[in-house]
Amino acid sequence: VIQRGIHWGKLSNGAMDISIGPAIALWKFDAESPTLPNPQELISAADLVDYRDIFIEGSSIGLTQTGMSLHLGAIAKGYAVDRAVEILKFFGINSGIVNAGGDLMAFGSKKGTKPWRIGLQHPRRPEEIIASLDLTDKAMATSGDYQRYFIHDKKRYHHILKPEDGWPSDKSMSATVIADTVTDADALSTALFILGDKKGIDLINSLEGVE
């Protein structure tokens, strides 16, 4: 998972960065009354975020700066879904959907012949679907500013943070990626969300087997 995280860090030019841990630690989205982090502390935390400072030697993983930490929230859930599908297939389950909060794999066919139909939630009106997709043996993941957030002074602060400064990205409400694995779809939906429409779509268009 960490190797794949570094891979997508390189290809997204750091938009998706698994060393975001120090910045995430300063945001208390699950607190009863969330508050904004100290700006100076956030600057210091963001200085520690750089996937290029992660090194892997054999079975050892290291971080070059004291205070660095990894946070695999943008990729680990996707990996867990991929592993769950592998285990189901091993036990003879040939079709189904494994869905972990919007990160999903649709494998095989519905009733043996039909693709699985997946609905995309509207980021501001949760009862509405903005699009529906037919998927067969494909992964899909969505990153949105409506999953973990709080409102402060009428402004929305959410959990998808920009690696360069540790503040929530404001270029997107929701980003969905289709790929061959949920691991990759999960990482890329975060990168796409942070990059915004122009740079994000350019990244997706530069990759094979990704939409």
N, C-alpha and C. Protein backbone atom coordinates (compact mmCIF):
# COMPACT_ATOMS: atom_id res chain seq x y z
N VAL A 1 0.85 -1.20 0.00
CA VAL A 1 0.00 0.00 0.00
C VAL A 1 0.88 1.25 0.00
N ILE A 2 1.93 1.24 0.79
CA ILE A 2 2.82 2.40 0.85
C ILE A 2 3.56 2.59 -0.48
N GLN A 3 4.01 1.50 -1.08
CA GLN A 3 4.66 1.60 -2.39
C GLN A 3 3.71 2.20 -3.43
N ARG A 4 2.45 1.76 -3.41
CA ARG A 4 1.47 2.29 -4.36
C ARG A 4 1.18 3.76 -4.05
N GLY A 5 1.15 4.10 -2.77
CA GLY A 5 0.95 5.50 -2.38
C GLY A 5 2.07 6.40 -2.90
N ILE A 6 3.32 5.92 -2.81
CA ILE A 6 4.45 6.68 -3.35
C ILE A 6 4.31 6.81 -4.87
N HIS A 7 3.90 5.72 -5.51
CA HIS A 7 3.70 5.72 -6.97
C HIS A 7 2.74 6.82 -7.39
N TRP A 8 1.58 6.90 -6.72
CA TRP A 8 0.59 7.91 -7.10
C TRP A 8 1.01 9.30 -6.64
N GLY A 9 1.82 9.39 -5.60
CA GLY A 9 2.39 10.67 -5.22
C GLY A 9 3.24 11.23 -6.34
N LYS A 10 4.07 10.36 -6.95
CA LYS A 10 4.92 10.80 -8.06
C LYS A 10 4.07 11.21 -9.26
N LEU A 11 3.12 10.36 -9.64
CA LEU A 11 2.36 10.62 -10.87
C LEU A 11 1.41 11.82 -10.73
N SER A 12 0.98 12.11 -9.49
CA SER A 12 0.10 13.26 -9.29
C SER A 12 0.87 14.52 -8.90
N ASN A 13 2.20 14.42 -8.95
CA ASN A 13 3.07 15.54 -8.56
C ASN A 13 2.78 16.00 -7.13
N GLY A 14 2.52 15.04 -6.26
CA GLY A 14 2.33 15.33 -4.84
C GLY A 14 0.93 15.73 -4.43
N ALA A 15 -0.04 15.70 -5.36
CA ALA A 15 -1.42 16.05 -4.98
C ALA A 15 -1.97 15.03 -3.99
N MET A 16 -1.67 13.75 -4.23
CA MET A 16 -2.03 12.69 -3.29
C MET A 16 -0.75 12.31 -2.57
N ASP A 17 -0.68 12.57 -1.27
CA ASP A 17 0.57 12.37 -0.54
C ASP A 17 0.28 11.64 0.77
N ILE A 18 0.78 10.41 0.88
CA ILE A 18 0.47 9.60 2.06
C ILE A 18 1.26 10.04 3.30
N SER A 19 2.16 11.04 3.14
CA SER A 19 2.86 11.56 4.33
C SER A 19 2.13 12.76 4.93
N ILE A 20 0.84 12.89 4.63
CA ILE A 20 0.01 14.00 5.08
C ILE A 20 -0.31 13.91 6.59
N GLY A 21 0.15 12.87 7.23
CA GLY A 21 -0.19 12.61 8.64
C GLY A 21 -0.06 13.78 9.60
N PRO A 22 1.06 14.52 9.59
CA PRO A 22 1.20 15.63 10.56
C PRO A 22 0.11 16.69 10.41
N ALA A 23 -0.33 16.97 9.18
CA ALA A 23 -1.39 17.96 8.97
C ALA A 23 -2.74 17.42 9.42
N ILE A 24 -3.02 16.16 9.08
CA ILE A 24 -4.31 15.57 9.47
C ILE A 24 -4.47 15.52 10.98
N ALA A 25 -3.36 15.31 11.70
CA ALA A 25 -3.41 15.21 13.16
C ALA A 25 -3.90 16.50 13.82
N LEU A 26 -3.77 17.63 13.12
CA LEU A 26 -4.16 18.92 13.70
C LEU A 26 -5.65 19.23 13.49
N TRP A 27 -6.30 18.47 12.60
CA TRP A 27 -7.73 18.69 12.35
C TRP A 27 -8.54 17.68 13.14
N LYS A 28 -9.49 18.16 13.93
CA LYS A 28 -10.29 17.28 14.81
C LYS A 28 -11.73 17.21 14.28
N PHE A 29 -11.90 16.55 13.13
CA PHE A 29 -13.22 16.50 12.50
C PHE A 29 -14.24 15.73 13.34
N ASP A 30 -13.76 14.84 14.18
CA ASP A 30 -14.68 14.02 14.97
C ASP A 30 -14.95 14.61 16.36
N ALA A 31 -14.37 15.76 16.65
CA ALA A 31 -14.61 16.39 17.95
C ALA A 31 -16.05 16.88 18.04
N GLU A 32 -16.54 17.01 19.27
CA GLU A 32 -17.92 17.48 19.47
C GLU A 32 -18.11 18.88 18.92
N SER A 33 -17.11 19.75 19.16
CA SER A 33 -17.15 21.12 18.61
C SER A 33 -15.83 21.39 17.90
N PRO A 34 -15.72 20.99 16.62
CA PRO A 34 -14.46 21.15 15.90
C PRO A 34 -14.06 22.62 15.76
N THR A 35 -12.77 22.88 15.85
CA THR A 35 -12.24 24.23 15.66
C THR A 35 -11.11 24.19 14.63
N LEU A 36 -10.75 25.35 14.11
CA LEU A 36 -9.66 25.42 13.14
C LEU A 36 -8.32 25.19 13.84
N PRO A 37 -7.38 24.54 13.16
CA PRO A 37 -6.06 24.36 13.77
C PRO A 37 -5.30 25.68 13.84
N ASN A 38 -4.28 25.71 14.68
CA ASN A 38 -3.40 26.87 14.77
C ASN A 38 -2.65 27.02 13.44
N PRO A 39 -2.77 28.18 12.76
CA PRO A 39 -2.16 28.34 11.44
C PRO A 39 -0.65 28.09 11.42
N GLN A 40 0.04 28.54 12.49
CA GLN A 40 1.49 28.36 12.54
C GLN A 40 1.84 26.87 12.68
N GLU A 41 1.06 26.17 13.49
CA GLU A 41 1.29 24.72 13.64
C GLU A 41 1.04 24.00 12.31
N LEU A 42 0.03 24.48 11.57
CA LEU A 42 -0.28 23.85 10.29
C LEU A 42 0.85 24.09 9.27
N ILE A 43 1.45 25.26 9.30
CA ILE A 43 2.59 25.54 8.42
C ILE A 43 3.73 24.58 8.74
N SER A 44 4.00 24.41 10.03
CA SER A 44 5.08 23.51 10.45
C SER A 44 4.78 22.07 10.05
N ALA A 45 3.51 21.67 10.20
CA ALA A 45 3.12 20.31 9.83
C ALA A 45 3.26 20.09 8.33
N ALA A 46 2.83 21.09 7.54
CA ALA A 46 2.90 20.96 6.08
C ALA A 46 4.35 20.86 5.59
N ASP A 47 5.27 21.46 6.33
CA ASP A 47 6.70 21.36 5.96
C ASP A 47 7.22 19.92 6.06
N LEU A 48 6.51 19.08 6.81
CA LEU A 48 6.93 17.69 6.97
C LEU A 48 6.30 16.75 5.94
N VAL A 49 5.41 17.29 5.11
CA VAL A 49 4.68 16.46 4.15
C VAL A 49 5.44 16.42 2.83
N ASP A 50 5.99 15.25 2.50
CA ASP A 50 6.66 15.06 1.22
C ASP A 50 6.90 13.57 1.00
N TYR A 51 6.13 12.98 0.07
CA TYR A 51 6.23 11.54 -0.19
C TYR A 51 7.65 11.15 -0.61
N ARG A 52 8.45 12.10 -1.12
CA ARG A 52 9.82 11.80 -1.53
C ARG A 52 10.74 11.52 -0.34
N ASP A 53 10.27 11.86 0.87
CA ASP A 53 11.05 11.60 2.08
C ASP A 53 10.70 10.26 2.72
N ILE A 54 9.92 9.44 2.01
CA ILE A 54 9.66 8.06 2.46
C ILE A 54 10.63 7.16 1.72
N PHE A 55 11.33 6.29 2.44
CA PHE A 55 12.21 5.37 1.73
C PHE A 55 11.90 3.93 2.15
N ILE A 56 12.03 3.04 1.20
CA ILE A 56 11.77 1.62 1.42
C ILE A 56 13.02 0.85 1.05
N GLU A 57 13.53 0.08 2.00
CA GLU A 57 14.69 -0.77 1.75
C GLU A 57 14.34 -2.18 2.22
N GLY A 58 14.15 -3.07 1.25
CA GLY A 58 13.75 -4.43 1.61
C GLY A 58 12.41 -4.40 2.33
N SER A 59 12.38 -4.92 3.56
CA SER A 59 11.15 -4.95 4.34
C SER A 59 11.07 -3.80 5.35
N SER A 60 11.95 -2.82 5.20
CA SER A 60 11.97 -1.68 6.13
C SER A 60 11.45 -0.42 5.43
N ILE A 61 10.68 0.35 6.18
CA ILE A 61 10.17 1.63 5.69
C ILE A 61 10.66 2.72 6.64
N GLY A 62 11.18 3.79 6.07
CA GLY A 62 11.68 4.87 6.91
C GLY A 62 11.21 6.23 6.43
N LEU A 63 11.28 7.20 7.34
CA LEU A 63 10.93 8.58 7.04
C LEU A 63 12.16 9.43 7.37
N THR A 64 12.53 10.33 6.46
CA THR A 64 13.81 11.01 6.62
C THR A 64 13.78 12.16 7.62
N GLN A 65 12.57 12.66 7.96
CA GLN A 65 12.50 13.80 8.88
C GLN A 65 11.78 13.41 10.17
N THR A 66 12.33 13.86 11.29
CA THR A 66 11.66 13.66 12.58
C THR A 66 10.33 14.40 12.57
N GLY A 67 9.28 13.73 13.03
CA GLY A 67 7.96 14.34 13.07
C GLY A 67 7.07 13.95 11.90
N MET A 68 7.66 13.35 10.87
CA MET A 68 6.84 12.87 9.75
C MET A 68 5.95 11.71 10.20
N SER A 69 4.82 11.55 9.54
CA SER A 69 3.98 10.37 9.78
C SER A 69 3.13 10.10 8.54
N LEU A 70 2.77 8.85 8.36
CA LEU A 70 1.97 8.45 7.20
C LEU A 70 0.50 8.40 7.59
N HIS A 71 -0.34 8.71 6.62
CA HIS A 71 -1.78 8.55 6.78
C HIS A 71 -2.30 7.95 5.48
N LEU A 72 -2.80 6.72 5.58
CA LEU A 72 -3.16 5.96 4.38
C LEU A 72 -4.64 6.03 4.05
N GLY A 73 -5.32 7.06 4.58
CA GLY A 73 -6.77 7.17 4.38
C GLY A 73 -7.18 7.31 2.93
N ALA A 74 -6.27 7.80 2.06
CA ALA A 74 -6.62 7.99 0.66
C ALA A 74 -6.40 6.75 -0.20
N ILE A 75 -5.98 5.64 0.44
CA ILE A 75 -5.65 4.46 -0.38
C ILE A 75 -5.96 3.13 0.33
N ALA A 76 -5.89 3.10 1.65
CA ALA A 76 -5.99 1.82 2.36
C ALA A 76 -7.38 1.20 2.28
N LYS A 77 -8.43 2.02 2.28
CA LYS A 77 -9.78 1.47 2.19
C LYS A 77 -9.98 0.78 0.85
N GLY A 78 -9.44 1.39 -0.20
CA GLY A 78 -9.52 0.77 -1.51
C GLY A 78 -8.80 -0.57 -1.54
N TYR A 79 -7.62 -0.62 -0.92
CA TYR A 79 -6.87 -1.87 -0.84
C TYR A 79 -7.67 -2.94 -0.10
N ALA A 80 -8.34 -2.53 0.98
CA ALA A 80 -9.14 -3.49 1.75
C ALA A 80 -10.26 -4.09 0.90
N VAL A 81 -10.89 -3.25 0.05
CA VAL A 81 -11.95 -3.76 -0.83
C VAL A 81 -11.37 -4.73 -1.85
N ASP A 82 -10.22 -4.39 -2.43
CA ASP A 82 -9.58 -5.30 -3.39
C ASP A 82 -9.29 -6.66 -2.75
N ARG A 83 -8.79 -6.64 -1.54
CA ARG A 83 -8.48 -7.91 -0.84
C ARG A 83 -9.76 -8.69 -0.55
N ALA A 84 -10.83 -7.99 -0.16
CA ALA A 84 -12.10 -8.66 0.13
C ALA A 84 -12.62 -9.37 -1.13
N VAL A 85 -12.50 -8.69 -2.27
CA VAL A 85 -12.96 -9.30 -3.53
C VAL A 85 -12.12 -10.53 -3.86
N GLU A 86 -10.81 -10.44 -3.67
CA GLU A 86 -9.93 -11.59 -3.90
C GLU A 86 -10.38 -12.79 -3.07
N ILE A 87 -10.69 -12.54 -1.80
CA ILE A 87 -11.09 -13.63 -0.90
C ILE A 87 -12.42 -14.22 -1.32
N LEU A 88 -13.38 -13.37 -1.69
CA LEU A 88 -14.67 -13.87 -2.17
C LEU A 88 -14.49 -14.75 -3.40
N LYS A 89 -13.67 -14.30 -4.34
CA LYS A 89 -13.43 -15.09 -5.56
C LYS A 89 -12.76 -16.43 -5.23
N PHE A 90 -11.84 -16.40 -4.27
CA PHE A 90 -11.16 -17.62 -3.84
C PHE A 90 -12.16 -18.66 -3.34
N PHE A 91 -13.22 -18.19 -2.68
CA PHE A 91 -14.23 -19.10 -2.15
C PHE A 91 -15.39 -19.34 -3.13
N GLY A 92 -15.17 -18.97 -4.39
CA GLY A 92 -16.13 -19.34 -5.42
C GLY A 92 -17.25 -18.35 -5.69
N ILE A 93 -17.16 -17.15 -5.10
CA ILE A 93 -18.17 -16.12 -5.37
C ILE A 93 -17.76 -15.41 -6.66
N ASN A 94 -18.57 -15.54 -7.70
CA ASN A 94 -18.17 -15.06 -9.02
C ASN A 94 -18.73 -13.68 -9.39
N SER A 95 -19.68 -13.18 -8.62
CA SER A 95 -20.22 -11.87 -8.94
C SER A 95 -20.73 -11.19 -7.68
N GLY A 96 -20.66 -9.87 -7.69
CA GLY A 96 -21.16 -9.12 -6.53
C GLY A 96 -20.56 -7.72 -6.50
N ILE A 97 -20.90 -6.99 -5.45
CA ILE A 97 -20.33 -5.67 -5.21
C ILE A 97 -19.81 -5.65 -3.77
N VAL A 98 -18.58 -5.18 -3.61
CA VAL A 98 -18.06 -4.88 -2.27
C VAL A 98 -17.93 -3.37 -2.20
N ASN A 99 -18.61 -2.76 -1.25
CA ASN A 99 -18.70 -1.31 -1.16
C ASN A 99 -18.30 -0.87 0.25
N ALA A 100 -17.26 -0.06 0.33
CA ALA A 100 -16.84 0.51 1.62
C ALA A 100 -17.00 2.02 1.55
N GLY A 101 -18.20 2.48 1.86
CA GLY A 101 -18.45 3.92 1.89
C GLY A 101 -18.19 4.63 0.58
N GLY A 102 -18.59 4.01 -0.53
CA GLY A 102 -18.43 4.65 -1.83
C GLY A 102 -17.22 4.18 -2.61
N ASP A 103 -16.29 3.49 -1.95
CA ASP A 103 -15.16 2.87 -2.66
C ASP A 103 -15.56 1.43 -2.92
N LEU A 104 -15.73 1.06 -4.20
CA LEU A 104 -16.36 -0.22 -4.46
C LEU A 104 -15.76 -0.93 -5.66
N MET A 105 -15.96 -2.25 -5.69
CA MET A 105 -15.63 -3.08 -6.84
C MET A 105 -16.88 -3.83 -7.24
N ALA A 106 -17.25 -3.72 -8.52
CA ALA A 106 -18.36 -4.50 -9.07
C ALA A 106 -17.75 -5.59 -9.94
N PHE A 107 -17.89 -6.84 -9.52
CA PHE A 107 -17.24 -7.92 -10.26
C PHE A 107 -18.28 -8.92 -10.75
N GLY A 108 -17.98 -9.52 -11.91
CA GLY A 108 -18.94 -10.42 -12.52
C GLY A 108 -20.15 -9.64 -13.03
N SER A 109 -21.24 -10.35 -13.26
CA SER A 109 -22.45 -9.74 -13.81
C SER A 109 -23.64 -9.95 -12.90
N LYS A 110 -24.58 -9.05 -12.95
CA LYS A 110 -25.81 -9.17 -12.19
C LYS A 110 -26.72 -10.18 -12.89
N LYS A 111 -27.15 -11.19 -12.16
CA LYS A 111 -28.00 -12.26 -12.70
C LYS A 111 -27.35 -12.94 -13.92
N GLY A 112 -26.01 -12.91 -13.93
CA GLY A 112 -25.28 -13.64 -14.96
C GLY A 112 -25.08 -12.92 -16.27
N THR A 113 -25.84 -11.86 -16.53
CA THR A 113 -25.76 -11.21 -17.84
C THR A 113 -25.66 -9.69 -17.79
N LYS A 114 -26.20 -9.07 -16.76
CA LYS A 114 -26.31 -7.60 -16.75
C LYS A 114 -25.15 -6.97 -15.97
N PRO A 115 -24.70 -5.78 -16.41
CA PRO A 115 -23.71 -5.05 -15.61
C PRO A 115 -24.36 -4.52 -14.33
N TRP A 116 -23.53 -4.23 -13.35
CA TRP A 116 -24.01 -3.62 -12.11
C TRP A 116 -24.24 -2.13 -12.36
N ARG A 117 -25.36 -1.62 -11.91
CA ARG A 117 -25.66 -0.19 -12.07
C ARG A 117 -25.37 0.52 -10.75
N ILE A 118 -24.51 1.55 -10.83
CA ILE A 118 -24.07 2.28 -9.63
C ILE A 118 -24.54 3.73 -9.74
N GLY A 119 -25.12 4.25 -8.67
CA GLY A 119 -25.55 5.64 -8.64
C GLY A 119 -24.54 6.53 -7.94
N LEU A 120 -24.36 7.74 -8.47
CA LEU A 120 -23.46 8.73 -7.86
C LEU A 120 -24.27 9.75 -7.08
N GLN A 121 -23.96 9.89 -5.80
CA GLN A 121 -24.70 10.80 -4.92
C GLN A 121 -24.37 12.25 -5.25
N HIS A 122 -25.40 13.10 -5.23
CA HIS A 122 -25.20 14.55 -5.36
C HIS A 122 -24.47 15.04 -4.11
N PRO A 123 -23.39 15.83 -4.29
CA PRO A 123 -22.60 16.24 -3.12
C PRO A 123 -23.30 17.20 -2.16
N ARG A 124 -24.41 17.82 -2.58
CA ARG A 124 -25.11 18.74 -1.70
C ARG A 124 -26.53 18.29 -1.37
N ARG A 125 -27.10 17.41 -2.20
CA ARG A 125 -28.44 16.90 -1.95
C ARG A 125 -28.37 15.37 -1.90
N PRO A 126 -28.12 14.81 -0.72
CA PRO A 126 -27.80 13.38 -0.60
C PRO A 126 -28.91 12.45 -1.09
N GLU A 127 -30.13 12.97 -1.18
CA GLU A 127 -31.22 12.11 -1.67
C GLU A 127 -31.24 12.03 -3.19
N GLU A 128 -30.40 12.83 -3.87
CA GLU A 128 -30.41 12.87 -5.33
C GLU A 128 -29.21 12.14 -5.92
N ILE A 129 -29.42 11.55 -7.10
CA ILE A 129 -28.35 10.90 -7.86
C ILE A 129 -28.02 11.80 -9.04
N ILE A 130 -26.73 12.13 -9.22
CA ILE A 130 -26.35 13.02 -10.33
C ILE A 130 -25.98 12.24 -11.59
N ALA A 131 -25.67 10.96 -11.43
CA ALA A 131 -25.34 10.13 -12.60
C ALA A 131 -25.43 8.67 -12.17
N SER A 132 -25.64 7.80 -13.14
CA SER A 132 -25.58 6.36 -12.86
C SER A 132 -24.70 5.70 -13.92
N LEU A 133 -23.98 4.69 -13.51
CA LEU A 133 -22.98 4.05 -14.36
C LEU A 133 -23.18 2.54 -14.36
N ASP A 134 -22.90 1.90 -15.48
CA ASP A 134 -22.89 0.45 -15.57
C ASP A 134 -21.45 -0.03 -15.43
N LEU A 135 -21.21 -0.90 -14.45
CA LEU A 135 -19.86 -1.40 -14.20
C LEU A 135 -19.83 -2.92 -14.23
N THR A 136 -18.80 -3.46 -14.88
CA THR A 136 -18.53 -4.89 -14.84
C THR A 136 -17.02 -5.08 -14.67
N ASP A 137 -16.63 -5.72 -13.61
CA ASP A 137 -15.21 -5.95 -13.31
C ASP A 137 -14.41 -4.65 -13.33
N LYS A 138 -14.98 -3.65 -12.69
CA LYS A 138 -14.31 -2.36 -12.56
C LYS A 138 -14.48 -1.83 -11.14
N ALA A 139 -13.51 -1.01 -10.74
CA ALA A 139 -13.55 -0.35 -9.43
C ALA A 139 -13.96 1.09 -9.59
N MET A 140 -14.59 1.64 -8.54
CA MET A 140 -14.98 3.04 -8.53
C MET A 140 -14.77 3.61 -7.14
N ALA A 141 -14.27 4.82 -7.08
CA ALA A 141 -14.11 5.49 -5.78
C ALA A 141 -14.45 6.96 -5.93
N THR A 142 -15.02 7.51 -4.87
CA THR A 142 -15.40 8.92 -4.84
C THR A 142 -14.77 9.61 -3.64
N SER A 143 -14.21 10.78 -3.87
CA SER A 143 -13.75 11.65 -2.78
C SER A 143 -14.63 12.89 -2.79
N GLY A 144 -15.18 13.24 -1.62
CA GLY A 144 -16.08 14.38 -1.57
C GLY A 144 -15.89 15.21 -0.32
N ASP A 145 -16.30 16.47 -0.41
CA ASP A 145 -16.17 17.38 0.75
C ASP A 145 -17.35 17.25 1.71
N TYR A 146 -18.24 16.28 1.46
CA TYR A 146 -19.45 16.10 2.27
C TYR A 146 -19.37 14.88 3.17
N GLN A 147 -18.22 14.19 3.17
CA GLN A 147 -18.11 12.95 3.94
C GLN A 147 -17.70 13.21 5.39
N ARG A 148 -16.68 14.03 5.57
CA ARG A 148 -16.26 14.44 6.93
C ARG A 148 -15.95 15.93 6.86
N TYR A 149 -16.76 16.71 7.56
CA TYR A 149 -16.58 18.16 7.47
C TYR A 149 -17.24 18.83 8.66
N PHE A 150 -16.96 20.12 8.84
CA PHE A 150 -17.71 20.96 9.77
C PHE A 150 -17.81 22.36 9.16
N ILE A 151 -18.77 23.13 9.62
CA ILE A 151 -18.97 24.50 9.15
C ILE A 151 -18.48 25.46 10.22
N HIS A 152 -17.63 26.40 9.82
CA HIS A 152 -17.11 27.41 10.73
C HIS A 152 -17.22 28.77 10.05
N ASP A 153 -17.91 29.71 10.69
CA ASP A 153 -18.16 31.03 10.09
C ASP A 153 -18.70 30.90 8.66
N LYS A 154 -19.67 30.01 8.51
CA LYS A 154 -20.38 29.78 7.25
C LYS A 154 -19.50 29.19 6.14
N LYS A 155 -18.31 28.71 6.50
CA LYS A 155 -17.43 28.09 5.52
C LYS A 155 -17.26 26.61 5.85
N ARG A 156 -17.25 25.78 4.83
CA ARG A 156 -17.10 24.33 4.99
C ARG A 156 -15.62 23.95 5.05
N TYR A 157 -15.25 23.21 6.07
CA TYR A 157 -13.90 22.66 6.20
C TYR A 157 -14.01 21.14 6.20
N HIS A 158 -13.33 20.50 5.26
CA HIS A 158 -13.46 19.05 5.10
C HIS A 158 -12.10 18.37 5.23
N HIS A 159 -12.12 17.04 5.14
CA HIS A 159 -10.95 16.24 5.51
C HIS A 159 -9.94 16.01 4.38
N ILE A 160 -10.23 16.49 3.15
CA ILE A 160 -9.28 16.25 2.05
C ILE A 160 -8.35 17.46 1.97
N LEU A 161 -7.16 17.28 2.52
CA LEU A 161 -6.24 18.40 2.72
C LEU A 161 -5.21 18.50 1.60
N LYS A 162 -4.85 19.75 1.27
CA LYS A 162 -3.79 19.99 0.28
C LYS A 162 -2.43 19.72 0.94
N PRO A 163 -1.61 18.88 0.34
CA PRO A 163 -0.31 18.58 0.95
C PRO A 163 0.59 19.81 1.12
N GLU A 164 0.44 20.82 0.25
CA GLU A 164 1.38 21.94 0.32
C GLU A 164 1.15 22.85 1.51
N ASP A 165 -0.11 22.92 2.02
CA ASP A 165 -0.32 23.83 3.16
C ASP A 165 -1.20 23.26 4.27
N GLY A 166 -1.77 22.07 4.06
CA GLY A 166 -2.55 21.42 5.11
C GLY A 166 -3.99 21.90 5.25
N TRP A 167 -4.42 22.83 4.38
CA TRP A 167 -5.80 23.31 4.41
C TRP A 167 -6.65 22.49 3.46
N PRO A 168 -7.97 22.42 3.70
CA PRO A 168 -8.84 21.67 2.79
C PRO A 168 -8.79 22.24 1.37
N SER A 169 -8.79 21.36 0.40
CA SER A 169 -8.81 21.77 -0.99
C SER A 169 -10.18 22.36 -1.35
N ASP A 170 -10.19 23.44 -2.11
CA ASP A 170 -11.46 24.10 -2.42
C ASP A 170 -11.77 24.08 -3.92
N LYS A 171 -11.11 23.18 -4.67
CA LYS A 171 -11.30 23.15 -6.12
C LYS A 171 -12.43 22.21 -6.57
N SER A 172 -12.94 21.39 -5.66
CA SER A 172 -13.95 20.40 -6.04
C SER A 172 -14.93 20.19 -4.90
N MET A 173 -16.10 19.69 -5.25
CA MET A 173 -17.05 19.18 -4.26
C MET A 173 -16.98 17.66 -4.18
N SER A 174 -16.77 17.05 -5.36
CA SER A 174 -16.79 15.59 -5.44
C SER A 174 -15.99 15.17 -6.67
N ALA A 175 -15.27 14.08 -6.56
CA ALA A 175 -14.51 13.54 -7.69
C ALA A 175 -14.61 12.03 -7.67
N THR A 176 -14.96 11.45 -8.80
CA THR A 176 -15.14 9.99 -8.91
C THR A 176 -14.23 9.45 -10.00
N VAL A 177 -13.57 8.34 -9.71
CA VAL A 177 -12.65 7.71 -10.66
C VAL A 177 -13.02 6.25 -10.82
N ILE A 178 -12.96 5.76 -12.06
CA ILE A 178 -13.14 4.35 -12.37
C ILE A 178 -11.79 3.80 -12.80
N ALA A 179 -11.40 2.66 -12.23
CA ALA A 179 -10.10 2.06 -12.53
C ALA A 179 -10.22 0.55 -12.40
N ASP A 180 -9.09 -0.15 -12.60
CA ASP A 180 -9.11 -1.61 -12.52
C ASP A 180 -9.08 -2.10 -11.08
N THR A 181 -8.48 -1.33 -10.17
CA THR A 181 -8.46 -1.71 -8.75
C THR A 181 -9.02 -0.57 -7.92
N VAL A 182 -9.59 -0.92 -6.78
CA VAL A 182 -10.14 0.12 -5.89
C VAL A 182 -8.99 0.88 -5.24
N THR A 183 -7.85 0.22 -5.02
CA THR A 183 -6.67 0.90 -4.49
C THR A 183 -6.33 2.12 -5.34
N ASP A 184 -6.27 1.90 -6.66
CA ASP A 184 -5.90 3.00 -7.56
C ASP A 184 -7.03 4.02 -7.69
N ALA A 185 -8.27 3.55 -7.79
CA ALA A 185 -9.40 4.48 -7.89
C ALA A 185 -9.47 5.38 -6.65
N ASP A 186 -9.21 4.80 -5.48
CA ASP A 186 -9.25 5.53 -4.21
C ASP A 186 -8.18 6.64 -4.21
N ALA A 187 -6.95 6.27 -4.54
CA ALA A 187 -5.86 7.25 -4.55
C ALA A 187 -6.11 8.33 -5.59
N LEU A 188 -6.57 7.93 -6.77
CA LEU A 188 -6.75 8.89 -7.86
C LEU A 188 -7.93 9.82 -7.63
N SER A 189 -8.97 9.36 -6.95
CA SER A 189 -10.09 10.27 -6.69
C SER A 189 -9.65 11.38 -5.75
N THR A 190 -8.75 11.07 -4.81
CA THR A 190 -8.20 12.11 -3.94
C THR A 190 -7.35 13.08 -4.74
N ALA A 191 -6.48 12.55 -5.60
CA ALA A 191 -5.63 13.41 -6.43
C ALA A 191 -6.48 14.31 -7.33
N LEU A 192 -7.51 13.73 -7.95
CA LEU A 192 -8.39 14.47 -8.85
C LEU A 192 -9.12 15.59 -8.09
N PHE A 193 -9.61 15.26 -6.89
CA PHE A 193 -10.31 16.24 -6.06
C PHE A 193 -9.40 17.43 -5.76
N ILE A 194 -8.16 17.16 -5.39
CA ILE A 194 -7.23 18.21 -4.99
C ILE A 194 -6.75 19.02 -6.20
N LEU A 195 -6.52 18.36 -7.32
CA LEU A 195 -6.02 19.05 -8.51
C LEU A 195 -7.08 19.93 -9.16
N GLY A 196 -8.36 19.56 -9.00
CA GLY A 196 -9.43 20.31 -9.66
C GLY A 196 -9.65 19.83 -11.08
N ASP A 197 -10.62 20.44 -11.77
CA ASP A 197 -11.07 19.88 -13.05
C ASP A 197 -10.00 19.86 -14.13
N LYS A 198 -9.31 20.96 -14.37
CA LYS A 198 -8.37 21.03 -15.49
C LYS A 198 -7.18 20.07 -15.28
N LYS A 199 -6.40 20.30 -14.23
CA LYS A 199 -5.22 19.47 -13.99
C LYS A 199 -5.62 18.03 -13.68
N GLY A 200 -6.74 17.88 -12.98
CA GLY A 200 -7.20 16.54 -12.62
C GLY A 200 -7.56 15.71 -13.83
N ILE A 201 -8.34 16.28 -14.74
CA ILE A 201 -8.73 15.56 -15.95
C ILE A 201 -7.50 15.29 -16.82
N ASP A 202 -6.55 16.24 -16.85
CA ASP A 202 -5.31 16.01 -17.61
C ASP A 202 -4.56 14.80 -17.05
N LEU A 203 -4.52 14.66 -15.73
CA LEU A 203 -3.87 13.50 -15.12
C LEU A 203 -4.59 12.22 -15.51
N ILE A 204 -5.92 12.20 -15.37
CA ILE A 204 -6.69 11.00 -15.68
C ILE A 204 -6.52 10.62 -17.16
N ASN A 205 -6.54 11.60 -18.05
CA ASN A 205 -6.40 11.33 -19.48
C ASN A 205 -5.01 10.81 -19.85
N SER A 206 -4.03 11.04 -18.98
CA SER A 206 -2.67 10.57 -19.26
C SER A 206 -2.47 9.12 -18.85
N LEU A 207 -3.47 8.52 -18.23
CA LEU A 207 -3.35 7.16 -17.69
C LEU A 207 -4.19 6.17 -18.49
N GLU A 208 -3.69 4.94 -18.61
CA GLU A 208 -4.44 3.90 -19.31
C GLU A 208 -5.43 3.25 -18.35
N GLY A 209 -6.62 2.92 -18.87
CA GLY A 209 -7.58 2.13 -18.10
C GLY A 209 -8.23 2.88 -16.95
N VAL A 210 -8.19 4.20 -17.01
CA VAL A 210 -8.75 5.02 -15.92
C VAL A 210 -9.70 6.06 -16.53
N GLU A 211 -10.84 6.27 -15.87
CA GLU A 211 -11.79 7.28 -16.35
C GLU A 211 -12.23 8.17 -15.20
